[in-house]
Amino acid sequence: MTLDPESDPDRYRDATLPELLGEGAHEDERDDLTWAFGLLGVLLFLGLVTALIYLL
């Protein structure tokens, strides 16, 4: 089996990371309050799931 770049040009094209991410893939830095609310939400969700598992 021979790999032919002409039969599948997308596979052998050298793509850079910005091309793979696309435009608008970069975010601004989040502030501390956003991280705190996100962490609190995840912990609350995990606590709720744990409580439901113990009740069943």
C-alpha atoms as a PDB file:
ATOM      1  CA  MET A   1       0.000   0.000   0.000  1.00  0.00           C
ATOM      2  CA  THR A   2       1.475   3.302  -1.071  1.00  0.00           C
ATOM      3  CA  LEU A   3       0.509   6.579   0.550  1.00  0.00           C
ATOM      4  CA  ASP A   4      -0.020   9.131  -2.175  1.00  0.00           C
ATOM      5  CA  PRO A   5      -0.167  12.804  -1.133  1.00  0.00           C
ATOM      6  CA  GLU A   6      -2.015  13.700  -4.337  1.00  0.00           C
ATOM      7  CA  SER A   7      -4.926  11.386  -3.567  1.00  0.00           C
ATOM      8  CA  ASP A   8      -5.440  12.925  -0.115  1.00  0.00           C
ATOM      9  CA  PRO A   9      -3.907  16.428  -0.084  1.00  0.00           C
ATOM     10  CA  ASP A  10      -5.437  17.487   3.258  1.00  0.00           C
ATOM     11  CA  ARG A  11      -3.658  14.719   5.146  1.00  0.00           C
ATOM     12  CA  TYR A  12      -0.217  15.799   3.982  1.00  0.00           C
ATOM     13  CA  ARG A  13      -0.667  19.548   4.230  1.00  0.00           C
ATOM     14  CA  ASP A  14       1.401  21.168   6.969  1.00  0.00           C
ATOM     15  CA  ALA A  15      -1.155  22.902   9.192  1.00  0.00           C
ATOM     16  CA  THR A  16      -0.034  25.248  11.899  1.00  0.00           C
ATOM     17  CA  LEU A  17      -1.728  25.562  15.276  1.00  0.00           C
ATOM     18  CA  PRO A  18      -3.444  28.917  14.516  1.00  0.00           C
ATOM     19  CA  GLU A  19      -4.929  27.371  11.369  1.00  0.00           C
ATOM     20  CA  LEU A  20      -6.264  24.437  13.373  1.00  0.00           C
ATOM     21  CA  LEU A  21      -7.744  26.648  16.090  1.00  0.00           C
ATOM     22  CA  GLY A  22      -9.327  29.110  13.709  1.00  0.00           C
ATOM     23  CA  GLU A  23     -10.018  32.747  14.307  1.00  0.00           C
ATOM     24  CA  GLY A  24     -11.628  33.792  17.569  1.00  0.00           C
ATOM     25  CA  ALA A  25     -10.366  30.749  19.452  1.00  0.00           C
ATOM     26  CA  HIS A  26      -8.415  32.871  21.904  1.00  0.00           C
ATOM     27  CA  GLU A  27     -10.092  34.058  25.095  1.00  0.00           C
ATOM     28  CA  ASP A  28      -9.310  36.912  27.402  1.00  0.00           C
ATOM     29  CA  GLU A  29      -8.010  36.052  30.845  1.00  0.00           C
ATOM     30  CA  ARG A  30     -10.774  35.342  33.359  1.00  0.00           C
ATOM     31  CA  ASP A  31     -10.934  37.206  36.627  1.00  0.00           C
ATOM     32  CA  ASP A  32     -10.739  35.463  40.011  1.00  0.00           C
ATOM     33  CA  LEU A  33     -14.465  35.739  40.714  1.00  0.00           C
ATOM     34  CA  THR A  34     -15.355  33.836  37.544  1.00  0.00           C
ATOM     35  CA  TRP A  35     -12.997  31.008  38.511  1.00  0.00           C
ATOM     36  CA  ALA A  36     -14.442  30.919  42.034  1.00  0.00           C
ATOM     37  CA  PHE A  37     -18.039  30.665  40.773  1.00  0.00           C
ATOM     38  CA  GLY A  38     -17.023  27.972  38.288  1.00  0.00           C
ATOM     39  CA  LEU A  39     -15.262  25.940  40.948  1.00  0.00           C
ATOM     40  CA  LEU A  40     -18.176  26.367  43.338  1.00  0.00           C
ATOM     41  CA  GLY A  41     -20.589  25.192  40.643  1.00  0.00           C
ATOM     42  CA  VAL A  42     -18.528  22.078  39.913  1.00  0.00           C
ATOM     43  CA  LEU A  43     -18.231  21.218  43.613  1.00  0.00           C
ATOM     44  CA  LEU A  44     -21.955  21.758  44.131  1.00  0.00           C
ATOM     45  CA  PHE A  45     -22.755  19.509  41.169  1.00  0.00           C
ATOM     46  CA  LEU A  46     -20.434  16.757  42.404  1.00  0.00           C
ATOM     47  CA  GLY A  47     -21.932  16.995  45.889  1.00  0.00           C
ATOM     48  CA  LEU A  48     -25.442  16.734  44.473  1.00  0.00           C
ATOM     49  CA  VAL A  49     -24.554  13.676  42.387  1.00  0.00           C
ATOM     50  CA  THR A  50     -22.882  12.043  45.389  1.00  0.00           C
ATOM     51  CA  ALA A  51     -25.960  12.698  47.544  1.00  0.00           C
ATOM     52  CA  LEU A  52     -28.264  11.218  44.904  1.00  0.00           C
ATOM     53  CA  ILE A  53     -26.115   8.094  44.623  1.00  0.00           C
ATOM     54  CA  TYR A  54     -26.228   7.533  48.384  1.00  0.00           C
ATOM     55  CA  LEU A  55     -30.005   8.030  48.466  1.00  0.00           C
ATOM     56  CA  LEU A  56     -30.596   5.389  45.819  1.00  0.00           C
END
